[in-house]
């Protein structure tokens, strides 16, 4: 495998080993590139939203509960745009109709509504 610091780099190191935990495989080639520094526990690509898990004490923010990738940051979920998945350090986005918070990902999980809309 060819191990590079960034996907666009033309230089790196060679080894018989697959990608390390802080690297992702570039396409189907035997090429590995380093994850974004915010992805402390692995990733599937180069951006901050390609993390596959986060370090203890850091919340994993996903666009949907079923998604396998997201970003790592903070010590809690954003109360107006996300909900906490169970008692884990995982946050998932509220449905777009829930502008003031939610308890789950469905349109029926809004906890309040924006001014001018009805609950």
N, C-alpha and C. Protein backbone atom coordinates (compact mmCIF):
# COMPACT_ATOMS: atom_id res chain seq x y z
N UNK A 1 0.84 -1.20 0.00
CA UNK A 1 0.00 0.00 0.00
C UNK A 1 0.87 1.25 0.00
N UNK A 2 0.39 2.28 -0.68
CA UNK A 2 1.07 3.57 -0.77
C UNK A 2 0.38 4.50 0.23
N UNK A 3 1.10 4.95 1.26
CA UNK A 3 0.55 5.79 2.33
C UNK A 3 0.96 7.24 2.11
N UNK A 4 -0.07 8.15 1.94
CA UNK A 4 0.18 9.57 1.69
C UNK A 4 -0.42 10.40 2.82
N UNK A 5 0.11 11.60 3.03
CA UNK A 5 -0.45 12.52 4.03
C UNK A 5 -1.79 13.09 3.57
N UNK A 6 -1.95 13.34 2.28
CA UNK A 6 -3.19 13.86 1.71
C UNK A 6 -3.44 13.17 0.37
N UNK A 7 -4.69 13.03 0.00
CA UNK A 7 -5.06 12.32 -1.22
C UNK A 7 -4.37 12.91 -2.45
N UNK A 8 -4.18 14.24 -2.49
CA UNK A 8 -3.58 14.90 -3.64
C UNK A 8 -2.06 14.81 -3.68
N UNK A 9 -1.42 14.37 -2.59
CA UNK A 9 0.04 14.29 -2.55
C UNK A 9 0.56 13.29 -3.58
N UNK A 10 1.74 13.57 -4.12
CA UNK A 10 2.35 12.64 -5.07
C UNK A 10 3.43 11.79 -4.42
N UNK A 11 3.76 12.08 -3.16
CA UNK A 11 4.78 11.30 -2.46
C UNK A 11 4.18 10.69 -1.19
N UNK A 12 4.84 9.65 -0.71
CA UNK A 12 4.40 8.98 0.51
C UNK A 12 5.31 7.81 0.80
N UNK A 13 4.85 6.88 1.61
CA UNK A 13 5.66 5.71 1.94
C UNK A 13 4.94 4.44 1.47
N UNK A 14 5.71 3.37 1.30
CA UNK A 14 5.16 2.10 0.84
C UNK A 14 5.28 1.06 1.94
N UNK A 15 4.25 0.21 2.06
CA UNK A 15 4.31 -0.90 3.01
C UNK A 15 3.37 -2.00 2.52
N UNK A 16 3.55 -3.18 3.06
CA UNK A 16 2.68 -4.29 2.71
C UNK A 16 1.40 -4.28 3.51
N UNK A 17 1.28 -3.32 4.43
CA UNK A 17 0.11 -3.25 5.30
C UNK A 17 -1.02 -2.44 4.69
N UNK A 18 -2.23 -2.79 5.06
CA UNK A 18 -3.40 -2.03 4.63
C UNK A 18 -3.40 -0.68 5.34
N UNK A 19 -4.41 0.13 5.10
CA UNK A 19 -4.50 1.45 5.71
C UNK A 19 -4.58 1.34 7.23
N UNK A 20 -3.95 2.30 7.91
CA UNK A 20 -3.99 2.38 9.37
C UNK A 20 -5.33 2.94 9.82
N UNK A 21 -5.59 2.94 11.12
CA UNK A 21 -6.83 3.45 11.68
C UNK A 21 -7.07 4.92 11.43
N UNK A 22 -6.01 5.69 11.21
CA UNK A 22 -6.17 7.12 10.95
C UNK A 22 -6.08 7.44 9.46
N UNK A 23 -6.26 6.42 8.62
CA UNK A 23 -6.22 6.58 7.16
C UNK A 23 -7.47 5.99 6.53
N UNK A 24 -7.72 6.35 5.28
CA UNK A 24 -8.80 5.75 4.50
C UNK A 24 -8.23 5.30 3.17
N UNK A 25 -8.87 4.29 2.57
CA UNK A 25 -8.43 3.78 1.28
C UNK A 25 -9.02 4.64 0.18
N UNK A 26 -8.19 5.10 -0.73
CA UNK A 26 -8.62 5.96 -1.84
C UNK A 26 -9.15 5.07 -2.96
N UNK A 27 -10.46 5.08 -3.15
CA UNK A 27 -11.08 4.26 -4.18
C UNK A 27 -10.75 2.79 -4.01
N UNK A 28 -10.53 2.11 -5.12
CA UNK A 28 -10.20 0.68 -5.06
C UNK A 28 -8.69 0.44 -5.16
N UNK A 29 -7.92 1.53 -5.26
CA UNK A 29 -6.47 1.42 -5.37
C UNK A 29 -5.84 1.07 -4.02
N UNK A 30 -4.64 0.57 -4.04
CA UNK A 30 -3.92 0.28 -2.80
C UNK A 30 -3.20 1.55 -2.34
N UNK A 31 -4.01 2.61 -2.15
CA UNK A 31 -3.51 3.92 -1.75
C UNK A 31 -4.27 4.35 -0.50
N UNK A 32 -3.53 4.82 0.51
CA UNK A 32 -4.12 5.29 1.75
C UNK A 32 -3.79 6.77 1.94
N UNK A 33 -4.72 7.54 2.47
CA UNK A 33 -4.49 8.95 2.79
C UNK A 33 -4.95 9.18 4.22
N UNK A 34 -4.36 10.15 4.88
CA UNK A 34 -4.63 10.44 6.28
C UNK A 34 -5.99 11.13 6.44
N UNK A 35 -6.75 10.73 7.46
CA UNK A 35 -8.04 11.33 7.78
C UNK A 35 -7.87 12.77 8.24
N UNK A 36 -8.94 13.56 8.18
CA UNK A 36 -8.93 14.90 8.76
C UNK A 36 -8.60 14.78 10.25
N UNK A 37 -7.90 15.74 10.80
CA UNK A 37 -7.44 15.66 12.19
C UNK A 37 -8.59 15.58 13.20
N UNK A 38 -9.80 16.01 12.84
CA UNK A 38 -10.94 15.91 13.76
C UNK A 38 -11.48 14.49 13.86
N UNK A 39 -11.13 13.64 12.90
CA UNK A 39 -11.57 12.24 12.89
C UNK A 39 -10.54 11.40 13.64
N UNK A 40 -10.61 11.40 14.95
CA UNK A 40 -9.58 10.76 15.77
C UNK A 40 -9.68 9.24 15.82
N UNK A 41 -10.79 8.69 15.38
CA UNK A 41 -11.00 7.24 15.47
C UNK A 41 -11.30 6.58 14.14
N UNK A 42 -10.93 7.21 13.02
CA UNK A 42 -11.14 6.61 11.71
C UNK A 42 -12.04 7.43 10.82
N UNK A 43 -11.97 7.14 9.50
CA UNK A 43 -12.77 7.89 8.53
C UNK A 43 -12.94 7.08 7.25
N UNK A 44 -13.81 7.60 6.37
CA UNK A 44 -14.01 6.97 5.07
C UNK A 44 -13.60 7.91 3.93
N UNK A 45 -13.14 9.12 4.25
CA UNK A 45 -12.74 10.10 3.25
C UNK A 45 -11.96 11.23 3.89
N UNK A 46 -11.69 12.27 3.12
CA UNK A 46 -10.78 13.33 3.56
C UNK A 46 -11.41 14.49 4.31
N UNK A 47 -12.75 14.62 4.32
CA UNK A 47 -13.36 15.81 4.92
C UNK A 47 -13.73 15.60 6.39
N UNK A 48 -14.10 16.69 7.04
CA UNK A 48 -14.49 16.64 8.46
C UNK A 48 -15.78 15.87 8.67
N UNK A 49 -16.59 15.67 7.62
CA UNK A 49 -17.85 14.93 7.75
C UNK A 49 -17.71 13.46 7.36
N UNK A 50 -16.47 13.00 7.13
CA UNK A 50 -16.23 11.60 6.76
C UNK A 50 -15.75 10.74 7.94
N UNK A 51 -15.85 11.25 9.16
CA UNK A 51 -15.44 10.47 10.33
C UNK A 51 -16.36 9.26 10.49
N UNK A 52 -15.79 8.13 10.95
CA UNK A 52 -16.60 6.93 11.18
C UNK A 52 -16.86 6.69 12.67
N UNK A 53 -16.12 7.34 13.54
CA UNK A 53 -16.35 7.34 14.98
C UNK A 53 -15.50 8.44 15.59
N UNK A 54 -15.74 8.72 16.86
CA UNK A 54 -15.04 9.82 17.53
C UNK A 54 -14.43 9.34 18.85
N UNK A 55 -13.47 10.09 19.33
CA UNK A 55 -12.83 9.78 20.61
C UNK A 55 -13.84 9.94 21.74
N UNK A 56 -13.65 9.21 22.82
CA UNK A 56 -14.52 9.32 24.00
C UNK A 56 -14.58 10.77 24.46
N UNK A 57 -15.77 11.23 24.82
CA UNK A 57 -15.95 12.60 25.27
C UNK A 57 -16.24 13.58 24.15
N UNK A 58 -16.17 13.13 22.91
CA UNK A 58 -16.47 13.97 21.74
C UNK A 58 -17.70 13.41 21.06
N UNK A 59 -18.65 14.26 20.73
CA UNK A 59 -19.89 13.80 20.13
C UNK A 59 -19.75 13.59 18.62
N UNK A 60 -20.43 12.56 18.12
CA UNK A 60 -20.45 12.15 16.72
C UNK A 60 -21.73 12.72 16.11
N UNK A 61 -21.61 13.69 15.21
CA UNK A 61 -22.76 14.39 14.62
C UNK A 61 -23.02 13.83 13.22
N UNK A 62 -24.20 13.19 13.03
CA UNK A 62 -24.56 12.57 11.75
C UNK A 62 -25.78 13.27 11.15
N UNK A 63 -25.89 13.28 9.82
CA UNK A 63 -27.04 13.87 9.15
C UNK A 63 -28.30 13.04 9.41
N UNK A 64 -28.16 11.73 9.54
CA UNK A 64 -29.28 10.85 9.85
C UNK A 64 -28.77 9.74 10.75
N UNK A 65 -29.63 9.24 11.61
CA UNK A 65 -29.23 8.22 12.58
C UNK A 65 -28.61 7.00 11.90
N UNK A 66 -29.10 6.62 10.72
CA UNK A 66 -28.62 5.43 10.02
C UNK A 66 -27.28 5.65 9.30
N UNK A 67 -26.86 6.89 9.15
CA UNK A 67 -25.59 7.17 8.45
C UNK A 67 -24.41 6.58 9.20
N UNK A 68 -23.38 6.18 8.46
CA UNK A 68 -22.19 5.62 9.08
C UNK A 68 -21.08 6.65 9.23
N UNK A 69 -21.26 7.85 8.65
CA UNK A 69 -20.24 8.89 8.76
C UNK A 69 -20.84 10.18 9.30
N UNK A 70 -19.97 11.03 9.84
CA UNK A 70 -20.39 12.31 10.38
C UNK A 70 -19.16 13.10 10.81
N UNK A 71 -19.36 14.08 11.67
CA UNK A 71 -18.25 14.90 12.16
C UNK A 71 -18.10 14.74 13.67
N UNK A 72 -16.93 15.03 14.18
CA UNK A 72 -16.62 14.91 15.61
C UNK A 72 -16.39 16.29 16.19
N UNK A 73 -17.16 16.66 17.21
CA UNK A 73 -16.93 17.94 17.88
C UNK A 73 -17.82 18.07 19.09
N UNK A 74 -17.39 18.92 20.00
CA UNK A 74 -18.21 19.32 21.12
C UNK A 74 -18.48 18.27 22.17
N UNK A 75 -19.19 18.73 23.20
CA UNK A 75 -19.52 17.85 24.31
C UNK A 75 -21.01 17.62 24.44
N UNK A 76 -21.77 18.02 23.41
CA UNK A 76 -23.22 17.79 23.42
C UNK A 76 -23.79 17.99 22.02
N UNK A 77 -25.07 17.66 21.88
CA UNK A 77 -25.77 17.87 20.62
C UNK A 77 -26.30 19.31 20.58
N UNK A 78 -26.51 19.84 19.39
CA UNK A 78 -27.12 21.16 19.23
C UNK A 78 -28.62 21.01 19.47
N UNK A 79 -29.14 21.60 20.53
CA UNK A 79 -30.52 21.39 20.97
C UNK A 79 -31.57 21.83 19.96
N UNK A 80 -31.25 22.73 19.05
CA UNK A 80 -32.26 23.20 18.09
C UNK A 80 -32.22 22.46 16.76
N UNK A 81 -31.12 21.74 16.46
CA UNK A 81 -31.02 21.09 15.16
C UNK A 81 -30.75 19.59 15.23
N UNK A 82 -30.46 19.06 16.42
CA UNK A 82 -30.09 17.65 16.56
C UNK A 82 -30.77 17.02 17.78
N UNK A 83 -30.80 15.69 17.80
CA UNK A 83 -31.24 14.95 18.98
C UNK A 83 -30.16 13.94 19.33
N UNK A 84 -30.09 13.59 20.62
CA UNK A 84 -29.12 12.60 21.08
C UNK A 84 -29.70 11.22 20.88
N UNK A 85 -28.94 10.32 20.28
CA UNK A 85 -29.39 8.95 20.00
C UNK A 85 -29.18 8.12 21.26
N UNK A 86 -30.28 7.82 21.95
CA UNK A 86 -30.20 7.05 23.19
C UNK A 86 -29.33 7.75 24.21
N UNK A 87 -28.50 6.96 24.90
CA UNK A 87 -27.60 7.54 25.90
C UNK A 87 -26.17 7.56 25.37
N UNK A 88 -26.01 7.52 24.05
CA UNK A 88 -24.69 7.51 23.41
C UNK A 88 -24.18 8.93 23.18
N UNK A 89 -22.96 9.04 22.72
CA UNK A 89 -22.38 10.33 22.34
C UNK A 89 -22.56 10.53 20.83
N UNK A 90 -23.77 10.21 20.35
CA UNK A 90 -24.11 10.32 18.93
C UNK A 90 -25.29 11.28 18.78
N UNK A 91 -25.16 12.23 17.86
CA UNK A 91 -26.22 13.19 17.55
C UNK A 91 -26.66 12.97 16.10
N UNK A 92 -27.95 13.11 15.85
CA UNK A 92 -28.46 13.02 14.48
C UNK A 92 -29.33 14.25 14.22
N UNK A 93 -29.40 14.65 12.97
CA UNK A 93 -30.13 15.86 12.60
C UNK A 93 -31.63 15.66 12.73
N UNK A 94 -32.31 16.71 13.21
CA UNK A 94 -33.77 16.73 13.25
C UNK A 94 -34.30 16.82 11.83
N UNK A 95 -35.56 16.43 11.64
CA UNK A 95 -36.22 16.64 10.35
C UNK A 95 -36.23 18.13 10.05
N UNK A 96 -36.14 18.50 8.80
CA UNK A 96 -36.07 19.92 8.42
C UNK A 96 -37.30 20.71 8.84
N UNK A 97 -38.43 20.05 9.09
CA UNK A 97 -39.63 20.76 9.52
C UNK A 97 -39.56 21.15 11.00
N UNK A 98 -38.63 20.58 11.74
CA UNK A 98 -38.47 20.87 13.17
C UNK A 98 -37.42 21.97 13.32
N UNK A 99 -37.87 23.21 13.39
CA UNK A 99 -36.93 24.33 13.42
C UNK A 99 -36.51 24.74 14.83
N UNK A 100 -37.14 24.18 15.85
CA UNK A 100 -36.85 24.57 17.23
C UNK A 100 -36.48 23.39 18.11
N UNK A 101 -36.02 22.28 17.53
CA UNK A 101 -35.61 21.11 18.31
C UNK A 101 -36.49 19.91 18.06
N UNK A 102 -35.99 18.72 18.48
CA UNK A 102 -36.72 17.47 18.27
C UNK A 102 -36.24 16.40 19.24
N UNK A 103 -36.98 15.30 19.28
CA UNK A 103 -36.60 14.15 20.11
C UNK A 103 -36.24 12.94 19.25
N UNK A 104 -36.35 13.08 17.93
CA UNK A 104 -36.04 12.02 16.98
C UNK A 104 -35.99 12.58 15.57
N UNK A 105 -35.79 11.72 14.58
CA UNK A 105 -35.60 12.16 13.22
C UNK A 105 -36.84 12.31 12.37
N UNK A 106 -38.00 11.94 12.88
CA UNK A 106 -39.24 11.99 12.08
C UNK A 106 -39.90 13.36 12.15
N UNK A 107 -40.81 13.62 11.21
CA UNK A 107 -41.55 14.90 11.20
C UNK A 107 -42.42 15.03 12.44
N UNK A 108 -42.78 13.92 13.07
CA UNK A 108 -43.64 13.94 14.26
C UNK A 108 -42.83 14.04 15.55
N UNK A 109 -41.51 14.23 15.47
CA UNK A 109 -40.65 14.30 16.66
C UNK A 109 -40.25 15.72 17.04
N UNK A 110 -40.87 16.74 16.46
CA UNK A 110 -40.56 18.13 16.80
C UNK A 110 -40.96 18.37 18.26
N UNK A 111 -40.14 19.14 18.98
CA UNK A 111 -40.47 19.46 20.38
C UNK A 111 -41.13 20.83 20.50
N UNK A 112 -40.99 21.67 19.49
CA UNK A 112 -41.69 22.94 19.42
C UNK A 112 -41.62 23.43 17.98
N UNK A 113 -42.33 24.50 17.70
CA UNK A 113 -42.38 24.99 16.33
C UNK A 113 -41.94 26.44 16.24
N UNK A 114 -41.52 26.83 15.09
CA UNK A 114 -41.14 28.22 14.84
C UNK A 114 -42.37 29.12 14.94
N UNK A 115 -42.14 30.37 15.23
CA UNK A 115 -43.25 31.34 15.29
C UNK A 115 -44.04 31.33 13.99
N UNK A 116 -45.35 31.36 14.11
CA UNK A 116 -46.20 31.36 12.93
C UNK A 116 -46.57 29.99 12.42
N UNK A 117 -46.05 28.92 13.05
CA UNK A 117 -46.43 27.56 12.66
C UNK A 117 -47.11 26.89 13.85
N UNK A 118 -47.83 25.81 13.57
CA UNK A 118 -48.60 25.15 14.61
C UNK A 118 -48.02 23.78 14.95
N UNK A 119 -48.16 23.41 16.19
CA UNK A 119 -47.66 22.14 16.74
C UNK A 119 -48.65 21.06 16.50
